[in-house]
Amino acid sequence: MAERRGNVRLVTRLEVQEKNSRHARVPLYVTGNISGGGMFLITQEPYPPGTVISLSFVLPADNKAVEAKGTVVWSRKEKENPQKQPGMGIRFLEIDEKDQQKIRKFVDSQQEGQ
């Protein structure tokens, strides 16, 4: 089956903060993977598809936070598939081009080292 995504994804762990949270929950997630186009966030309580969230995270070896607005394109609760991590797939809607390039360079550099 062909890959539907247009961006190479890197399996990694980053702490991600949700900015301006309107929901009563701890605004911290861990990524499952990341690309220049979006990320998978591991969470026991994923938002439903269509939810727009603002995120902030710091890439390794960088000191400036990446800030992006994204939309939940899919979500999976633990009980839906116990063999897979619960969470939500995020597609970036608004992200600075320089930040997007930083993400792509990070993904590329990590894959070269594997």
N, C-alpha and C. Protein backbone atom coordinates (compact mmCIF):
# COMPACT_ATOMS: atom_id res chain seq x y z
N MET A 1 0.86 -1.19 0.00
CA MET A 1 0.00 0.00 0.00
C MET A 1 0.89 1.24 0.00
N ALA A 2 0.61 2.19 -0.82
CA ALA A 2 1.42 3.40 -0.95
C ALA A 2 1.17 4.34 0.23
N GLU A 3 2.20 5.07 0.60
CA GLU A 3 2.10 6.06 1.67
C GLU A 3 1.26 7.24 1.19
N ARG A 4 0.25 7.61 1.96
CA ARG A 4 -0.64 8.71 1.58
C ARG A 4 -0.07 10.06 1.95
N ARG A 5 0.81 10.08 2.92
CA ARG A 5 1.36 11.36 3.37
C ARG A 5 2.43 11.85 2.41
N GLY A 6 2.53 13.16 2.29
CA GLY A 6 3.55 13.75 1.42
C GLY A 6 4.83 14.08 2.15
N ASN A 7 4.86 13.90 3.48
CA ASN A 7 6.02 14.24 4.29
C ASN A 7 6.59 13.01 4.97
N VAL A 8 7.90 12.93 5.04
CA VAL A 8 8.56 11.85 5.75
C VAL A 8 8.35 12.08 7.24
N ARG A 9 7.97 11.03 7.97
CA ARG A 9 7.72 11.13 9.40
C ARG A 9 8.83 10.46 10.18
N LEU A 10 9.11 11.02 11.34
CA LEU A 10 10.12 10.50 12.24
C LEU A 10 9.45 10.10 13.54
N VAL A 11 9.65 8.85 13.96
CA VAL A 11 9.17 8.43 15.27
C VAL A 11 10.10 9.03 16.31
N THR A 12 9.55 9.81 17.21
CA THR A 12 10.35 10.51 18.22
C THR A 12 9.47 10.84 19.41
N ARG A 13 10.09 11.34 20.46
CA ARG A 13 9.37 11.77 21.65
C ARG A 13 9.72 13.22 21.94
N LEU A 14 8.72 14.08 21.90
CA LEU A 14 8.86 15.49 22.24
C LEU A 14 7.71 15.86 23.16
N GLU A 15 7.94 16.72 24.12
CA GLU A 15 6.85 17.25 24.93
C GLU A 15 6.20 18.38 24.16
N VAL A 16 4.88 18.33 24.09
CA VAL A 16 4.12 19.33 23.34
C VAL A 16 3.10 19.97 24.27
N GLN A 17 3.11 21.29 24.31
CA GLN A 17 2.14 22.03 25.13
C GLN A 17 1.00 22.50 24.24
N GLU A 18 -0.19 22.43 24.77
CA GLU A 18 -1.33 23.03 24.09
C GLU A 18 -1.48 24.44 24.62
N LYS A 19 -1.46 25.41 23.73
CA LYS A 19 -1.57 26.81 24.14
C LYS A 19 -3.02 27.25 24.15
N ASN A 20 -3.35 28.13 25.10
CA ASN A 20 -4.71 28.68 25.18
C ASN A 20 -5.77 27.60 25.24
N SER A 21 -5.53 26.61 26.06
CA SER A 21 -6.45 25.49 26.16
C SER A 21 -7.82 25.97 26.64
N ARG A 22 -8.84 25.57 25.93
CA ARG A 22 -10.22 25.89 26.32
C ARG A 22 -10.83 24.70 27.07
N HIS A 23 -10.05 23.63 27.18
CA HIS A 23 -10.58 22.39 27.76
C HIS A 23 -9.97 22.15 29.13
N ALA A 24 -10.72 21.51 30.01
CA ALA A 24 -10.24 21.22 31.35
C ALA A 24 -9.42 19.93 31.31
N ARG A 25 -8.16 20.05 30.92
CA ARG A 25 -7.27 18.90 30.87
C ARG A 25 -5.83 19.39 30.96
N VAL A 26 -4.93 18.50 31.28
CA VAL A 26 -3.53 18.87 31.34
C VAL A 26 -3.04 19.10 29.92
N PRO A 27 -2.54 20.30 29.61
CA PRO A 27 -2.16 20.61 28.23
C PRO A 27 -0.75 20.15 27.88
N LEU A 28 -0.47 18.85 28.07
CA LEU A 28 0.84 18.31 27.74
C LEU A 28 0.66 16.97 27.04
N TYR A 29 1.33 16.81 25.92
CA TYR A 29 1.27 15.58 25.16
C TYR A 29 2.69 15.12 24.86
N VAL A 30 2.81 13.91 24.37
CA VAL A 30 4.07 13.40 23.88
C VAL A 30 3.85 13.01 22.43
N THR A 31 4.78 13.38 21.56
CA THR A 31 4.61 13.01 20.16
C THR A 31 4.94 11.54 19.97
N GLY A 32 4.28 10.95 19.00
CA GLY A 32 4.61 9.60 18.56
C GLY A 32 5.45 9.70 17.31
N ASN A 33 5.15 10.69 16.49
CA ASN A 33 5.95 10.98 15.30
C ASN A 33 5.70 12.42 14.86
N ILE A 34 6.58 12.90 13.97
CA ILE A 34 6.48 14.29 13.52
C ILE A 34 6.99 14.39 12.10
N SER A 35 6.45 15.35 11.37
CA SER A 35 6.93 15.70 10.02
C SER A 35 6.70 17.19 9.84
N GLY A 36 7.11 17.70 8.71
CA GLY A 36 6.88 19.11 8.41
C GLY A 36 5.41 19.43 8.25
N GLY A 37 4.58 18.42 8.05
CA GLY A 37 3.16 18.64 7.83
C GLY A 37 2.26 18.40 9.02
N GLY A 38 2.82 17.76 10.07
CA GLY A 38 1.98 17.48 11.23
C GLY A 38 2.65 16.53 12.19
N MET A 39 1.84 16.01 13.13
CA MET A 39 2.38 15.10 14.14
C MET A 39 1.29 14.22 14.71
N PHE A 40 1.71 13.13 15.33
CA PHE A 40 0.82 12.26 16.09
C PHE A 40 1.07 12.55 17.56
N LEU A 41 0.03 12.89 18.29
CA LEU A 41 0.14 13.17 19.72
C LEU A 41 -0.48 12.03 20.51
N ILE A 42 0.30 11.50 21.43
CA ILE A 42 -0.18 10.42 22.29
C ILE A 42 -0.96 11.04 23.44
N THR A 43 -2.20 10.62 23.62
CA THR A 43 -3.04 11.11 24.70
C THR A 43 -4.16 10.11 24.96
N GLN A 44 -4.53 9.95 26.21
CA GLN A 44 -5.62 9.05 26.58
C GLN A 44 -6.99 9.65 26.21
N GLU A 45 -7.04 10.96 26.04
CA GLU A 45 -8.31 11.63 25.74
C GLU A 45 -8.17 12.50 24.50
N PRO A 46 -8.12 11.89 23.32
CA PRO A 46 -7.95 12.69 22.10
C PRO A 46 -9.19 13.51 21.79
N TYR A 47 -8.95 14.64 21.14
CA TYR A 47 -10.05 15.48 20.68
C TYR A 47 -10.67 14.86 19.43
N PRO A 48 -11.89 15.19 19.13
CA PRO A 48 -12.52 14.66 17.92
C PRO A 48 -11.96 15.33 16.66
N PRO A 49 -12.03 14.63 15.53
CA PRO A 49 -11.59 15.23 14.27
C PRO A 49 -12.28 16.57 14.03
N GLY A 50 -11.51 17.51 13.48
CA GLY A 50 -12.03 18.84 13.19
C GLY A 50 -11.68 19.86 14.27
N THR A 51 -11.25 19.39 15.44
CA THR A 51 -10.86 20.31 16.51
C THR A 51 -9.57 21.03 16.12
N VAL A 52 -9.54 22.33 16.31
CA VAL A 52 -8.35 23.13 16.02
C VAL A 52 -7.65 23.44 17.35
N ILE A 53 -6.34 23.18 17.40
CA ILE A 53 -5.58 23.43 18.61
C ILE A 53 -4.28 24.17 18.28
N SER A 54 -3.81 24.94 19.26
CA SER A 54 -2.54 25.65 19.13
C SER A 54 -1.50 24.91 19.96
N LEU A 55 -0.35 24.63 19.35
CA LEU A 55 0.68 23.82 19.97
C LEU A 55 2.00 24.56 20.07
N SER A 56 2.81 24.17 21.04
CA SER A 56 4.14 24.71 21.21
C SER A 56 5.06 23.58 21.64
N PHE A 57 6.25 23.48 21.01
CA PHE A 57 7.20 22.44 21.38
C PHE A 57 8.59 22.89 20.98
N VAL A 58 9.60 22.29 21.61
CA VAL A 58 10.99 22.62 21.33
C VAL A 58 11.66 21.38 20.76
N LEU A 59 12.30 21.56 19.62
CA LEU A 59 13.05 20.46 19.00
C LEU A 59 14.38 20.29 19.74
N PRO A 60 14.92 19.06 19.79
CA PRO A 60 16.22 18.86 20.43
C PRO A 60 17.29 19.76 19.80
N ALA A 61 18.23 20.20 20.61
CA ALA A 61 19.34 21.06 20.17
C ALA A 61 18.87 22.41 19.66
N ASP A 62 17.69 22.84 20.09
CA ASP A 62 17.17 24.15 19.73
C ASP A 62 16.66 24.78 21.01
N ASN A 63 16.64 26.08 21.09
CA ASN A 63 16.15 26.73 22.30
C ASN A 63 14.91 27.57 22.06
N LYS A 64 14.48 27.68 20.82
CA LYS A 64 13.30 28.48 20.50
C LYS A 64 12.12 27.55 20.20
N ALA A 65 11.03 27.81 20.86
CA ALA A 65 9.85 26.97 20.68
C ALA A 65 9.25 27.13 19.29
N VAL A 66 8.80 26.03 18.74
CA VAL A 66 8.02 26.02 17.50
C VAL A 66 6.57 26.19 17.93
N GLU A 67 5.88 27.11 17.29
CA GLU A 67 4.46 27.31 17.58
C GLU A 67 3.68 27.08 16.30
N ALA A 68 2.60 26.33 16.44
CA ALA A 68 1.80 25.99 15.26
C ALA A 68 0.34 25.83 15.66
N LYS A 69 -0.52 26.07 14.70
CA LYS A 69 -1.94 25.79 14.87
C LYS A 69 -2.22 24.59 13.97
N GLY A 70 -2.98 23.64 14.50
CA GLY A 70 -3.27 22.44 13.72
C GLY A 70 -4.69 21.99 13.92
N THR A 71 -5.10 21.06 13.06
CA THR A 71 -6.42 20.48 13.18
C THR A 71 -6.29 18.98 13.40
N VAL A 72 -7.17 18.44 14.21
CA VAL A 72 -7.21 17.00 14.44
C VAL A 72 -7.84 16.37 13.20
N VAL A 73 -7.08 15.51 12.52
CA VAL A 73 -7.61 14.86 11.32
C VAL A 73 -8.14 13.46 11.62
N TRP A 74 -7.65 12.86 12.69
CA TRP A 74 -8.19 11.58 13.16
C TRP A 74 -7.84 11.41 14.63
N SER A 75 -8.61 10.58 15.32
CA SER A 75 -8.30 10.31 16.72
C SER A 75 -8.63 8.85 17.02
N ARG A 76 -7.95 8.33 18.06
CA ARG A 76 -8.14 6.92 18.42
C ARG A 76 -8.06 6.82 19.94
N LYS A 77 -9.11 6.26 20.52
CA LYS A 77 -9.12 6.02 21.96
C LYS A 77 -8.56 4.62 22.22
N GLU A 78 -8.04 4.42 23.42
CA GLU A 78 -7.40 3.15 23.75
C GLU A 78 -8.32 1.96 23.55
N LYS A 79 -9.58 2.11 23.94
CA LYS A 79 -10.51 0.99 23.83
C LYS A 79 -10.84 0.63 22.38
N GLU A 80 -10.62 1.56 21.45
CA GLU A 80 -10.90 1.30 20.05
C GLU A 80 -9.92 0.31 19.43
N ASN A 81 -8.66 0.35 19.88
CA ASN A 81 -7.65 -0.56 19.37
C ASN A 81 -6.54 -0.69 20.41
N PRO A 82 -6.67 -1.67 21.32
CA PRO A 82 -5.69 -1.82 22.41
C PRO A 82 -4.26 -2.10 21.93
N GLN A 83 -4.07 -2.51 20.70
CA GLN A 83 -2.73 -2.78 20.18
C GLN A 83 -2.01 -1.51 19.73
N LYS A 84 -2.73 -0.40 19.62
CA LYS A 84 -2.13 0.86 19.16
C LYS A 84 -2.29 1.93 20.23
N GLN A 85 -1.33 2.85 20.25
CA GLN A 85 -1.39 3.93 21.22
C GLN A 85 -2.57 4.85 20.96
N PRO A 86 -3.25 5.27 22.02
CA PRO A 86 -4.34 6.23 21.84
C PRO A 86 -3.74 7.60 21.53
N GLY A 87 -4.45 8.38 20.75
CA GLY A 87 -3.97 9.72 20.44
C GLY A 87 -4.71 10.33 19.27
N MET A 88 -4.04 11.33 18.67
CA MET A 88 -4.69 12.05 17.57
C MET A 88 -3.65 12.51 16.56
N GLY A 89 -4.03 12.45 15.31
CA GLY A 89 -3.19 12.93 14.23
C GLY A 89 -3.50 14.38 13.96
N ILE A 90 -2.45 15.20 13.95
CA ILE A 90 -2.60 16.65 13.77
C ILE A 90 -1.98 17.06 12.44
N ARG A 91 -2.70 17.83 11.66
CA ARG A 91 -2.15 18.45 10.44
C ARG A 91 -1.96 19.93 10.74
N PHE A 92 -0.75 20.41 10.48
CA PHE A 92 -0.48 21.83 10.72
C PHE A 92 -1.29 22.68 9.76
N LEU A 93 -1.96 23.69 10.30
CA LEU A 93 -2.72 24.66 9.50
C LEU A 93 -1.93 25.95 9.35
N GLU A 94 -1.34 26.38 10.47
CA GLU A 94 -0.56 27.62 10.49
C GLU A 94 0.75 27.33 11.21
N ILE A 95 1.85 27.52 10.48
CA ILE A 95 3.18 27.33 11.06
C ILE A 95 4.14 28.19 10.26
N ASP A 96 5.04 28.84 10.95
CA ASP A 96 6.03 29.68 10.28
C ASP A 96 6.88 28.81 9.35
N GLU A 97 7.17 29.30 8.15
CA GLU A 97 7.95 28.54 7.18
C GLU A 97 9.31 28.14 7.75
N LYS A 98 9.94 29.02 8.52
CA LYS A 98 11.24 28.70 9.13
C LYS A 98 11.11 27.56 10.12
N ASP A 99 10.03 27.55 10.89
CA ASP A 99 9.81 26.46 11.84
C ASP A 99 9.55 25.15 11.10
N GLN A 100 8.80 25.22 10.03
CA GLN A 100 8.54 24.02 9.24
C GLN A 100 9.84 23.47 8.66
N GLN A 101 10.72 24.35 8.22
CA GLN A 101 12.02 23.91 7.70
C GLN A 101 12.88 23.31 8.82
N LYS A 102 12.81 23.88 10.03
CA LYS A 102 13.54 23.31 11.16
C LYS A 102 13.09 21.89 11.44
N ILE A 103 11.77 21.67 11.38
CA ILE A 103 11.23 20.33 11.61
C ILE A 103 11.74 19.37 10.53
N ARG A 104 11.68 19.79 9.27
CA ARG A 104 12.14 18.93 8.18
C ARG A 104 13.63 18.60 8.32
N LYS A 105 14.45 19.58 8.68
CA LYS A 105 15.89 19.34 8.88
C LYS A 105 16.10 18.36 10.03
N PHE A 106 15.35 18.53 11.12
CA PHE A 106 15.46 17.63 12.25
C PHE A 106 15.10 16.21 11.83
N VAL A 107 14.00 16.04 11.13
CA VAL A 107 13.57 14.70 10.67
C VAL A 107 14.63 14.10 9.77
N ASP A 108 15.12 14.87 8.79
CA ASP A 108 16.15 14.37 7.86
C ASP A 108 17.42 13.98 8.60
N SER A 109 17.87 14.81 9.56
CA SER A 109 19.12 14.53 10.25
C SER A 109 19.02 13.27 11.11
N GLN A 110 17.87 13.04 11.69
CA GLN A 110 17.68 11.86 12.52
C GLN A 110 17.61 10.59 11.68
N GLN A 111 17.03 10.69 10.49
CA GLN A 111 16.94 9.51 9.63
C GLN A 111 18.29 9.16 9.03
N GLU A 112 19.13 10.18 8.78
CA GLU A 112 20.47 9.91 8.26
C GLU A 112 21.32 9.19 9.28
N GLY A 113 21.07 9.44 10.55
CA GLY A 113 21.84 8.82 11.62
C GLY A 113 21.41 7.40 11.95
N GLN A 114 20.34 6.93 11.35
CA GLN A 114 19.82 5.58 11.66
C GLN A 114 20.48 4.52 10.81
